[in-house]
Amino acid sequence: MSKIVVTGGAGYVGSHVCFKLHEAAHDVVVVDSLINGHAEFVQWGHLEQLDLRETEKLTRLLKSLKPDAVFHLASLINVGESVQKPKLYESVNVDGTLSLLTAMKQAQVNTLVFSSSCAIYGVPQFLPLTEDQPKKPLNPYGVTKLKAEHLLAEAFKDWGLNSVSLRYFNAAGADPLSRVGEDHTPETHLIPLVLDAASGKRTHIEVFGTDYPTRDGTCVRDYVHVCDLADAHLLALKFLKSSPGLHAFNLGSEHGHTVKEIIHAVEKVTYKKVTVKNSERRPGDPATLVADSGLAKHALGWSPRFTQIEAIIEHAWKWHQS
């Protein structure tokens, strides 16, 4: 059994990672400011309420815990908000990561699994997206994730930090038993927004752009089940034990769904009609983003279990209803 510190463990993906760690008999400590996280999501492990930018407190905590590894999932993730508040995103996502790495170095913890994002790529040169494509993020959120990865590379060269960056595509779904799920304020992700429209919490769903060069004119995105993402974190930890160094892997389903297809799938799962309003494109939205996850499958042995979009939506709908 290993002791794992999970930053952002009170959040959406972080809480799912925690219950997967618990199932694998690891000792879990959650470090979360609870600015966006939920204390009630910390069901598997002990909560330490702390802002990562409090370097001295964080260093003392890591020295006392002596964890075997850190899973770093604490960040701000709202792309639109990042455009409005780029300095805040720089402070939380970049300065927070630097503070964590400083504390880890002082506490002699040299294993990290990092929650990164496909937002670091920007507009893909070709599809599906591979890890070696150019990194030209289109928004401050993507910029901060790329800067954080650069910090990991510097730490590897400076003091031998071993790390895996997991570049998520669109996290979706929920724990099939509805113990935890997606709960953002404000909500910006498509599937929960459409579910809100289906349940009557919203009057309609807004579709940004219907003239993209895709099969129905709406954006295509790759949705990956949050439990499959959580599984990848445990596999990354195992991988680092035998393959120390600096690594990065895409995590996606390798299948793309248009906005209209997601709306139709929600209607199919919920038996509810969703009102749609079409709007202009949003600046910086690529037409299509689909992952090539072959490297993660080969190196980590990662094999997503929930590959059907209806199953992903069904789990999310069950959580919403609970």
Foldseek 3Di string as FASTA:
>chain_A
DFEEEEEVLQAALNLLLLVVCVVVVYAYEYEYLVPWGDPLSPPRHHYDNDQLLPLVVLLVVCLVVVGQEYEYDDADDDQVVCQVPVVVRCCRLVSSLVSNLVSCVSSVHQEYEYEAAPQQQFAFPDPADDPPTDGDHDTSNSVSRVNSLVVQVVCCVVPNRFYEYEHEWAEFFHDLVLSGHHDGVVDDDQLVVLLCQQVVVDVAAEFAFQCFPDPRTAAKTFYAYSNLVSVLSVLRRVLCVVVGDRYYFYDTLQDIDGSVRSNVLLCVLSVGHGHYDYHHHDPRDHRYHGHDRVVSCVRSVRDGDDNDSSNRSNRNSVNVVD
